[in-house]
Amino acid sequence: MLPERDGPGVAWLAAAQYLQTCPGRHAYNLIYAISRPGELSNADRQIIKNYDAFAVKHGLGTATTVANTIFPLDSYRSGGTDGLFNAYHQEVYSRVKKGWGNYFDRMTRRRHSNGQFILDQDGAPLNPLKSLVQKLRRRVETGRGPKGHYELSVADEGYELATYLPERDKLMPRGGPCLSHVSFKLDDSNAIRLTAFYRSHYYVERALGNLIGLARLQTFVAAEAGCHIGSLTCIAASAYLEATSGSAHKAEIDGCLLS
């Protein structure tokens, strides 16, 4: 496990620099935590700025572009919770549904293997993220009782969100959704902690934007549930620092990591 870092930018850079030292630029079960995922320090902002310039130059998605696949921040800012879901489902999803930039759809709608929506008890498409926020909000509002009752809640399976869906993804080749699972837990200081599990994680093309997107998702859940933001832990079963990505070759990638 790598040392804990304050923000997503410095955490990404430390993890990428670690992977530079690994045989084949690859590691199994790479684990690290971000202590203040909801804050961007000057160092974080500079790292993101440097990465974005590198990404644009070499035909890669910027950190914000990748982050929006996990949490579309602008839609939330402009429309609030309901506006966020409506805008994504009605306007954004049609542009990303054929690619792998649709994590947010996977967290906010469920489908049967035939493509039909799974419906909730009111006959609307089931929205796991919205249900998760509602459960957490109830826990925050009523969790001042016995300590044992609160401890039971942190293991509640209702606080889990799956992004790998076997009924849709079981036959997909490499390149399918790398983010498999995110788990939210309340700690004893009433802070929401997030743990994200990646089956594969690519540190040049995706990881920085992924961390920013996860931090935004965590901030959204905390704000909507009425609790504080705790740490964010990333677990990559298989982590790669690519030798080439877009038009960039190894020397150019390593130069980007000198920030």
C-alpha atoms as a PDB file:
ATOM      1  CA  MET A   1       0.000   0.000   0.000  1.00  0.00           C
ATOM      2  CA  LEU A   2       1.347   3.403  -0.992  1.00  0.00           C
ATOM      3  CA  PRO A   3       1.476   6.283   1.503  1.00  0.00           C
ATOM      4  CA  GLU A   4      -1.724   8.326   1.845  1.00  0.00           C
ATOM      5  CA  ARG A   5      -1.813  11.599  -0.099  1.00  0.00           C
ATOM      6  CA  ASP A   6      -3.901  14.719   0.385  1.00  0.00           C
ATOM      7  CA  GLY A   7      -5.499  15.224  -3.026  1.00  0.00           C
ATOM      8  CA  PRO A   8      -6.247  13.337  -6.259  1.00  0.00           C
ATOM      9  CA  GLY A   9      -3.545  15.016  -8.341  1.00  0.00           C
ATOM     10  CA  VAL A  10      -0.652  14.289  -5.993  1.00  0.00           C
ATOM     11  CA  ALA A  11      -2.027  10.772  -5.356  1.00  0.00           C
ATOM     12  CA  TRP A  12      -2.138  10.015  -9.085  1.00  0.00           C
ATOM     13  CA  LEU A  13       1.381  11.321  -9.648  1.00  0.00           C
ATOM     14  CA  ALA A  14       2.798   9.301  -6.745  1.00  0.00           C
ATOM     15  CA  ALA A  15       1.102   6.121  -7.999  1.00  0.00           C
ATOM     16  CA  ALA A  16       2.292   6.695 -11.578  1.00  0.00           C
ATOM     17  CA  GLN A  17       5.849   7.347 -10.417  1.00  0.00           C
ATOM     18  CA  TYR A  18       5.723   4.151  -8.367  1.00  0.00           C
ATOM     19  CA  LEU A  19       4.633   2.194 -11.439  1.00  0.00           C
ATOM     20  CA  GLN A  20       7.662   3.572 -13.304  1.00  0.00           C
ATOM     21  CA  THR A  21       9.836   1.552 -10.913  1.00  0.00           C
ATOM     22  CA  CYS A  22       7.905  -1.708 -11.319  1.00  0.00           C
ATOM     23  CA  PRO A  23       8.939  -4.437 -13.767  1.00  0.00           C
ATOM     24  CA  GLY A  24       7.017  -3.901 -16.957  1.00  0.00           C
ATOM     25  CA  ARG A  25       5.526  -0.719 -15.433  1.00  0.00           C
ATOM     26  CA  HIS A  26       2.838  -2.958 -13.961  1.00  0.00           C
ATOM     27  CA  ALA A  27       1.714  -3.886 -10.437  1.00  0.00           C
ATOM     28  CA  TYR A  28      -0.930  -6.118  -8.911  1.00  0.00           C
ATOM     29  CA  ASN A  29      -3.194  -4.937  -6.084  1.00  0.00           C
ATOM     30  CA  LEU A  30      -2.046  -1.332  -6.039  1.00  0.00           C
ATOM     31  CA  ILE A  31      -3.740   0.368  -3.069  1.00  0.00           C
ATOM     32  CA  TYR A  32      -3.596   3.962  -1.851  1.00  0.00           C
ATOM     33  CA  ALA A  33      -5.810   6.490  -0.102  1.00  0.00           C
ATOM     34  CA  ILE A  34      -6.568  10.168  -0.576  1.00  0.00           C
ATOM     35  CA  SER A  35      -7.198  11.963   2.708  1.00  0.00           C
ATOM     36  CA  ARG A  36      -8.956  15.085   1.332  1.00  0.00           C
ATOM     37  CA  PRO A  37     -10.526  14.098  -1.984  1.00  0.00           C
ATOM     38  CA  GLY A  38     -12.922  17.039  -1.978  1.00  0.00           C
ATOM     39  CA  GLU A  39     -10.127  19.632  -2.042  1.00  0.00           C
ATOM     40  CA  LEU A  40      -7.654  20.537  -4.767  1.00  0.00           C
ATOM     41  CA  SER A  41      -4.408  22.049  -3.545  1.00  0.00           C
ATOM     42  CA  ASN A  42      -2.192  24.253  -5.700  1.00  0.00           C
ATOM     43  CA  ALA A  43      -0.042  21.179  -6.305  1.00  0.00           C
ATOM     44  CA  ASP A  44      -3.089  19.191  -7.472  1.00  0.00           C
ATOM     45  CA  ARG A  45      -4.146  21.975  -9.829  1.00  0.00           C
ATOM     46  CA  GLN A  46      -0.685  22.247 -11.356  1.00  0.00           C
ATOM     47  CA  ILE A  47      -0.468  18.485 -11.902  1.00  0.00           C
ATOM     48  CA  ILE A  48      -3.889  18.495 -13.581  1.00  0.00           C
ATOM     49  CA  LYS A  49      -2.913  21.477 -15.739  1.00  0.00           C
ATOM     50  CA  ASN A  50       0.295  19.758 -16.848  1.00  0.00           C
ATOM     51  CA  TYR A  51      -1.533  16.502 -17.574  1.00  0.00           C
ATOM     52  CA  ASP A  52      -4.248  18.246 -19.597  1.00  0.00           C
ATOM     53  CA  ALA A  53      -1.655  19.966 -21.786  1.00  0.00           C
ATOM     54  CA  PHE A  54       0.019  16.585 -22.341  1.00  0.00           C
ATOM     55  CA  ALA A  55      -3.345  14.926 -23.089  1.00  0.00           C
ATOM     56  CA  VAL A  56      -4.399  17.538 -25.643  1.00  0.00           C
ATOM     57  CA  LYS A  57      -1.024  17.340 -27.372  1.00  0.00           C
ATOM     58  CA  HIS A  58      -1.192  13.558 -27.698  1.00  0.00           C
ATOM     59  CA  GLY A  59      -4.868  13.043 -28.521  1.00  0.00           C
ATOM     60  CA  LEU A  60      -6.032  11.821 -25.109  1.00  0.00           C
ATOM     61  CA  GLY A  61      -9.051  12.875 -23.086  1.00  0.00           C
ATOM     62  CA  THR A  62      -8.395  15.585 -20.515  1.00  0.00           C
ATOM     63  CA  ALA A  63      -8.789  14.842 -16.817  1.00  0.00           C
ATOM     64  CA  THR A  64     -12.173  16.607 -16.822  1.00  0.00           C
ATOM     65  CA  THR A  65     -13.400  14.617 -19.827  1.00  0.00           C
ATOM     66  CA  VAL A  66     -12.580  11.354 -18.077  1.00  0.00           C
ATOM     67  CA  ALA A  67     -13.963  12.581 -14.738  1.00  0.00           C
ATOM     68  CA  ASN A  68     -17.327  13.311 -16.369  1.00  0.00           C
ATOM     69  CA  THR A  69     -17.769   9.617 -17.214  1.00  0.00           C
ATOM     70  CA  ILE A  70     -18.066   8.975 -13.464  1.00  0.00           C
ATOM     71  CA  PHE A  71     -19.758  12.176 -12.360  1.00  0.00           C
ATOM     72  CA  PRO A  72     -20.988  14.952 -14.727  1.00  0.00           C
ATOM     73  CA  LEU A  73     -20.334  17.900 -12.430  1.00  0.00           C
ATOM     74  CA  ASP A  74     -21.698  20.642 -14.700  1.00  0.00           C
ATOM     75  CA  SER A  75     -25.079  18.921 -14.944  1.00  0.00           C
ATOM     76  CA  TYR A  76     -25.273  18.797 -11.151  1.00  0.00           C
ATOM     77  CA  ARG A  77     -24.259  22.431 -10.750  1.00  0.00           C
ATOM     78  CA  SER A  78     -26.843  23.632 -13.242  1.00  0.00           C
ATOM     79  CA  GLY A  79     -29.766  21.380 -12.357  1.00  0.00           C
ATOM     80  CA  GLY A  80     -29.341  20.014  -8.845  1.00  0.00           C
ATOM     81  CA  THR A  81     -30.033  16.363  -8.123  1.00  0.00           C
ATOM     82  CA  ASP A  82     -33.091  15.818 -10.315  1.00  0.00           C
ATOM     83  CA  GLY A  83     -31.670  17.998 -13.067  1.00  0.00           C
ATOM     84  CA  LEU A  84     -28.459  15.983 -12.944  1.00  0.00           C
ATOM     85  CA  PHE A  85     -30.196  12.672 -13.571  1.00  0.00           C
ATOM     86  CA  ASN A  86     -32.564  14.072 -16.203  1.00  0.00           C
ATOM     87  CA  ALA A  87     -29.854  15.904 -18.129  1.00  0.00           C
ATOM     88  CA  TYR A  88     -27.557  12.893 -18.180  1.00  0.00           C
ATOM     89  CA  HIS A  89     -30.199  10.374 -19.200  1.00  0.00           C
ATOM     90  CA  GLN A  90     -31.861  12.615 -21.808  1.00  0.00           C
ATOM     91  CA  GLU A  91     -28.901  14.524 -23.255  1.00  0.00           C
ATOM     92  CA  VAL A  92     -25.555  12.952 -22.376  1.00  0.00           C
ATOM     93  CA  TYR A  93     -26.138   9.205 -22.487  1.00  0.00           C
ATOM     94  CA  SER A  94     -27.030   9.128 -26.171  1.00  0.00           C
ATOM     95  CA  ARG A  95     -23.535  10.431 -26.949  1.00  0.00           C
ATOM     96  CA  VAL A  96     -21.630   7.924 -24.808  1.00  0.00           C
ATOM     97  CA  LYS A  97     -23.773   4.766 -24.735  1.00  0.00           C
ATOM     98  CA  LYS A  98     -21.705   2.928 -27.358  1.00  0.00           C
ATOM     99  CA  GLY A  99     -18.420   3.571 -25.575  1.00  0.00           C
ATOM    100  CA  TRP A 100     -17.120   2.915 -22.100  1.00  0.00           C
ATOM    101  CA  GLY A 101     -17.715   6.452 -20.887  1.00  0.00           C
ATOM    102  CA  ASN A 102     -21.030   5.516 -19.313  1.00  0.00           C
ATOM    103  CA  TYR A 103     -20.225   4.669 -15.709  1.00  0.00           C
ATOM    104  CA  PHE A 104     -22.736   7.230 -14.491  1.00  0.00           C
ATOM    105  CA  ASP A 105     -25.510   5.504 -16.416  1.00  0.00           C
ATOM    106  CA  ARG A 106     -24.546   2.196 -14.833  1.00  0.00           C
ATOM    107  CA  MET A 107     -24.788   3.778 -11.387  1.00  0.00           C
ATOM    108  CA  THR A 108     -28.143   5.447 -12.050  1.00  0.00           C
ATOM    109  CA  ARG A 109     -30.101   2.903 -14.092  1.00  0.00           C
ATOM    110  CA  ARG A 110     -30.345  -0.863 -14.206  1.00  0.00           C
ATOM    111  CA  ARG A 111     -31.388  -3.008 -17.153  1.00  0.00           C
ATOM    112  CA  HIS A 112     -32.403  -6.593 -17.712  1.00  0.00           C
ATOM    113  CA  SER A 113     -30.340  -8.678 -20.138  1.00  0.00           C
ATOM    114  CA  ASN A 114     -32.870  -7.778 -22.858  1.00  0.00           C
ATOM    115  CA  GLY A 115     -32.141  -4.072 -22.382  1.00  0.00           C
ATOM    116  CA  GLN A 116     -35.388  -3.222 -20.614  1.00  0.00           C
ATOM    117  CA  PHE A 117     -35.137  -1.067 -17.499  1.00  0.00           C
ATOM    118  CA  ILE A 118     -35.534  -2.658 -14.094  1.00  0.00           C
ATOM    119  CA  LEU A 119     -38.330  -0.709 -12.395  1.00  0.00           C
ATOM    120  CA  ASP A 120     -38.713   0.344  -8.779  1.00  0.00           C
ATOM    121  CA  GLN A 121     -41.911  -0.046  -6.753  1.00  0.00           C
ATOM    122  CA  ASP A 122     -43.309   3.161  -8.269  1.00  0.00           C
ATOM    123  CA  GLY A 123     -42.815   1.923 -11.826  1.00  0.00           C
ATOM    124  CA  ALA A 124     -39.887   4.244 -12.589  1.00  0.00           C
ATOM    125  CA  PRO A 125     -36.452   3.004 -13.726  1.00  0.00           C
ATOM    126  CA  LEU A 126     -34.483   1.882 -10.687  1.00  0.00           C
ATOM    127  CA  ASN A 127     -31.825   4.467  -9.764  1.00  0.00           C
ATOM    128  CA  PRO A 128     -29.266   2.807  -7.450  1.00  0.00           C
ATOM    129  CA  LEU A 129     -27.319   6.015  -6.774  1.00  0.00           C
ATOM    130  CA  LYS A 130     -30.453   7.944  -5.812  1.00  0.00           C
ATOM    131  CA  SER A 131     -31.562   5.096  -3.547  1.00  0.00           C
ATOM    132  CA  LEU A 132     -28.107   4.957  -1.964  1.00  0.00           C
ATOM    133  CA  VAL A 133     -28.237   8.680  -1.139  1.00  0.00           C
ATOM    134  CA  GLN A 134     -31.696   8.311   0.368  1.00  0.00           C
ATOM    135  CA  LYS A 135     -30.548   5.423   2.580  1.00  0.00           C
ATOM    136  CA  LEU A 136     -27.489   7.323   3.728  1.00  0.00           C
ATOM    137  CA  ARG A 137     -29.544  10.436   4.437  1.00  0.00           C
ATOM    138  CA  ARG A 138     -31.912   8.418   6.625  1.00  0.00           C
ATOM    139  CA  ARG A 139     -28.918   6.907   8.436  1.00  0.00           C
ATOM    140  CA  VAL A 140     -27.411  10.348   9.050  1.00  0.00           C
ATOM    141  CA  GLU A 141     -30.728  11.729  10.307  1.00  0.00           C
ATOM    142  CA  THR A 142     -31.544   8.807  12.608  1.00  0.00           C
ATOM    143  CA  GLY A 143     -28.095   7.403  13.416  1.00  0.00           C
ATOM    144  CA  ARG A 144     -27.736   9.047  16.822  1.00  0.00           C
ATOM    145  CA  GLY A 145     -29.005   5.989  18.633  1.00  0.00           C
ATOM    146  CA  PRO A 146     -27.073   2.962  19.954  1.00  0.00           C
ATOM    147  CA  LYS A 147     -23.564   2.491  18.648  1.00  0.00           C
ATOM    148  CA  GLY A 148     -24.324  -1.047  17.547  1.00  0.00           C
ATOM    149  CA  HIS A 149     -27.131   0.174  15.300  1.00  0.00           C
ATOM    150  CA  TYR A 150     -24.707   2.535  13.592  1.00  0.00           C
ATOM    151  CA  GLU A 151     -22.048  -0.149  13.160  1.00  0.00           C
ATOM    152  CA  LEU A 152     -24.589  -2.408  11.515  1.00  0.00           C
ATOM    153  CA  SER A 153     -25.224   0.288   8.940  1.00  0.00           C
ATOM    154  CA  VAL A 154     -21.644   0.434   7.702  1.00  0.00           C
ATOM    155  CA  ALA A 155     -21.911  -3.159   6.490  1.00  0.00           C
ATOM    156  CA  ASP A 156     -25.307  -2.639   4.827  1.00  0.00           C
ATOM    157  CA  GLU A 157     -25.167  -3.992   1.267  1.00  0.00           C
ATOM    158  CA  GLY A 158     -27.448  -1.150   0.249  1.00  0.00           C
ATOM    159  CA  TYR A 159     -24.387   1.109   0.239  1.00  0.00           C
ATOM    160  CA  GLU A 160     -22.748  -0.739  -2.653  1.00  0.00           C
ATOM    161  CA  LEU A 161     -22.780   0.307  -6.304  1.00  0.00           C
ATOM    162  CA  ALA A 162     -21.773  -2.138  -9.023  1.00  0.00           C
ATOM    163  CA  THR A 163     -20.539  -0.839 -12.379  1.00  0.00           C
ATOM    164  CA  TYR A 164     -19.580  -4.217 -13.875  1.00  0.00           C
ATOM    165  CA  LEU A 165     -22.876  -5.875 -14.806  1.00  0.00           C
ATOM    166  CA  PRO A 166     -22.543  -9.561 -15.768  1.00  0.00           C
ATOM    167  CA  GLU A 167     -25.786  -9.589 -17.724  1.00  0.00           C
ATOM    168  CA  ARG A 168     -24.348  -6.885 -20.015  1.00  0.00           C
ATOM    169  CA  ASP A 169     -20.598  -7.358 -19.794  1.00  0.00           C
ATOM    170  CA  LYS A 170     -19.860 -11.081 -19.433  1.00  0.00           C
ATOM    171  CA  LEU A 171     -18.907 -11.499 -23.103  1.00  0.00           C
ATOM    172  CA  MET A 172     -17.007  -8.233 -23.459  1.00  0.00           C
ATOM    173  CA  PRO A 173     -13.286  -8.457 -24.323  1.00  0.00           C
ATOM    174  CA  ARG A 174     -10.535  -6.382 -22.741  1.00  0.00           C
ATOM    175  CA  GLY A 175     -11.522  -2.728 -22.848  1.00  0.00           C
ATOM    176  CA  GLY A 176     -14.780  -3.154 -20.959  1.00  0.00           C
ATOM    177  CA  PRO A 177     -15.607  -1.219 -17.811  1.00  0.00           C
ATOM    178  CA  CYS A 178     -12.451  -1.166 -15.661  1.00  0.00           C
ATOM    179  CA  LEU A 179     -14.223   0.313 -12.630  1.00  0.00           C
ATOM    180  CA  SER A 180     -15.992  -2.675 -11.115  1.00  0.00           C
ATOM    181  CA  HIS A 181     -17.374  -1.494  -7.813  1.00  0.00           C
ATOM    182  CA  VAL A 182     -17.660   1.492  -5.465  1.00  0.00           C
ATOM    183  CA  SER A 183     -18.569   1.221  -1.809  1.00  0.00           C
ATOM    184  CA  PHE A 184     -19.652   3.990   0.580  1.00  0.00           C
ATOM    185  CA  LYS A 185     -19.311   3.719   4.339  1.00  0.00           C
ATOM    186  CA  LEU A 186     -20.087   6.090   7.209  1.00  0.00           C
ATOM    187  CA  ASP A 187     -17.375   6.259   9.865  1.00  0.00           C
ATOM    188  CA  ASP A 188     -17.751   7.210  13.513  1.00  0.00           C
ATOM    189  CA  SER A 189     -17.140  10.889  12.750  1.00  0.00           C
ATOM    190  CA  ASN A 190     -20.135  10.922  10.399  1.00  0.00           C
ATOM    191  CA  ALA A 191     -17.912  11.169   7.338  1.00  0.00           C
ATOM    192  CA  ILE A 192     -18.577   9.267   4.134  1.00  0.00           C
ATOM    193  CA  ARG A 193     -15.681   7.118   2.953  1.00  0.00           C
ATOM    194  CA  LEU A 194     -15.468   5.768  -0.569  1.00  0.00           C
ATOM    195  CA  THR A 195     -13.616   2.672  -1.758  1.00  0.00           C
ATOM    196  CA  ALA A 196     -13.292   2.086  -5.506  1.00  0.00           C
ATOM    197  CA  PHE A 197     -12.204  -1.223  -7.003  1.00  0.00           C
ATOM    198  CA  TYR A 198     -10.660  -1.378 -10.484  1.00  0.00           C
ATOM    199  CA  ARG A 199     -10.079  -4.696 -12.201  1.00  0.00           C
ATOM    200  CA  SER A 200      -7.591  -2.864 -14.453  1.00  0.00           C
ATOM    201  CA  HIS A 201      -6.368   0.716 -14.176  1.00  0.00           C
ATOM    202  CA  TYR A 202      -4.414   2.628 -16.827  1.00  0.00           C
ATOM    203  CA  TYR A 203      -2.430   5.482 -15.336  1.00  0.00           C
ATOM    204  CA  VAL A 204      -1.616   7.516 -18.431  1.00  0.00           C
ATOM    205  CA  GLU A 205      -4.952   7.471 -20.201  1.00  0.00           C
ATOM    206  CA  ARG A 206      -7.522   7.259 -17.395  1.00  0.00           C
ATOM    207  CA  ALA A 207      -6.430   7.211 -13.775  1.00  0.00           C
ATOM    208  CA  LEU A 208      -6.120  10.940 -13.021  1.00  0.00           C
ATOM    209  CA  GLY A 209      -9.568  11.693 -14.441  1.00  0.00           C
ATOM    210  CA  ASN A 210     -10.961   8.635 -12.676  1.00  0.00           C
ATOM    211  CA  LEU A 211      -9.744   9.873  -9.295  1.00  0.00           C
ATOM    212  CA  ILE A 212     -11.208  13.323  -9.894  1.00  0.00           C
ATOM    213  CA  GLY A 213     -14.521  11.785 -10.965  1.00  0.00           C
ATOM    214  CA  LEU A 214     -14.639   9.549  -7.902  1.00  0.00           C
ATOM    215  CA  ALA A 215     -13.899  12.534  -5.663  1.00  0.00           C
ATOM    216  CA  ARG A 216     -16.770  14.441  -7.283  1.00  0.00           C
ATOM    217  CA  LEU A 217     -19.094  11.469  -6.841  1.00  0.00           C
ATOM    218  CA  GLN A 218     -18.098  11.218  -3.171  1.00  0.00           C
ATOM    219  CA  THR A 219     -18.652  14.954  -2.677  1.00  0.00           C
ATOM    220  CA  PHE A 220     -22.107  14.674  -4.258  1.00  0.00           C
ATOM    221  CA  VAL A 221     -23.129  11.768  -2.021  1.00  0.00           C
ATOM    222  CA  ALA A 222     -21.858  13.536   1.104  1.00  0.00           C
ATOM    223  CA  ALA A 223     -23.657  16.777   0.241  1.00  0.00           C
ATOM    224  CA  GLU A 224     -26.939  15.059  -0.604  1.00  0.00           C
ATOM    225  CA  ALA A 225     -26.828  12.800   2.463  1.00  0.00           C
ATOM    226  CA  GLY A 226     -25.828  15.611   4.817  1.00  0.00           C
ATOM    227  CA  CYS A 227     -22.497  14.259   6.022  1.00  0.00           C
ATOM    228  CA  HIS A 228     -18.800  15.072   5.813  1.00  0.00           C
ATOM    229  CA  ILE A 229     -16.295  13.859   3.223  1.00  0.00           C
ATOM    230  CA  GLY A 230     -13.875  11.184   4.447  1.00  0.00           C
ATOM    231  CA  SER A 231     -11.045   9.435   2.670  1.00  0.00           C
ATOM    232  CA  LEU A 232     -11.116   7.888  -0.783  1.00  0.00           C
ATOM    233  CA  THR A 233      -9.346   4.556  -1.264  1.00  0.00           C
ATOM    234  CA  CYS A 234      -8.451   3.178  -4.689  1.00  0.00           C
ATOM    235  CA  ILE A 235      -7.717  -0.520  -5.201  1.00  0.00           C
ATOM    236  CA  ALA A 236      -6.442  -1.620  -8.607  1.00  0.00           C
ATOM    237  CA  ALA A 237      -6.241  -5.382  -9.059  1.00  0.00           C
ATOM    238  CA  SER A 238      -3.962  -4.699 -12.011  1.00  0.00           C
ATOM    239  CA  ALA A 239      -2.360  -1.264 -12.544  1.00  0.00           C
ATOM    240  CA  TYR A 240      -0.465  -0.213 -15.670  1.00  0.00           C
ATOM    241  CA  LEU A 241       1.679   2.734 -16.618  1.00  0.00           C
ATOM    242  CA  GLU A 242       1.495   2.555 -20.391  1.00  0.00           C
ATOM    243  CA  ALA A 243       4.711   2.754 -22.426  1.00  0.00           C
ATOM    244  CA  THR A 244       2.739   4.417 -25.224  1.00  0.00           C
ATOM    245  CA  SER A 245      -0.608   6.219 -25.143  1.00  0.00           C
ATOM    246  CA  GLY A 246      -2.225   8.238 -27.881  1.00  0.00           C
ATOM    247  CA  SER A 247       0.691   9.651 -29.861  1.00  0.00           C
ATOM    248  CA  ALA A 248       2.952   9.751 -26.788  1.00  0.00           C
ATOM    249  CA  HIS A 249       5.910   7.419 -26.410  1.00  0.00           C
ATOM    250  CA  LYS A 250       7.666   6.354 -23.244  1.00  0.00           C
ATOM    251  CA  ALA A 251      10.094   9.292 -23.039  1.00  0.00           C
ATOM    252  CA  GLU A 252       7.266  11.809 -23.408  1.00  0.00           C
ATOM    253  CA  ILE A 253       5.136  10.000 -20.808  1.00  0.00           C
ATOM    254  CA  ASP A 254       8.020   9.892 -18.345  1.00  0.00           C
ATOM    255  CA  GLY A 255       8.651  13.569 -18.971  1.00  0.00           C
ATOM    256  CA  CYS A 256       5.049  14.327 -17.994  1.00  0.00           C
ATOM    257  CA  LEU A 257       5.629  12.546 -14.685  1.00  0.00           C
ATOM    258  CA  LEU A 258       8.495  14.849 -13.687  1.00  0.00           C
ATOM    259  CA  SER A 259       5.936  17.396 -12.437  1.00  0.00           C
END
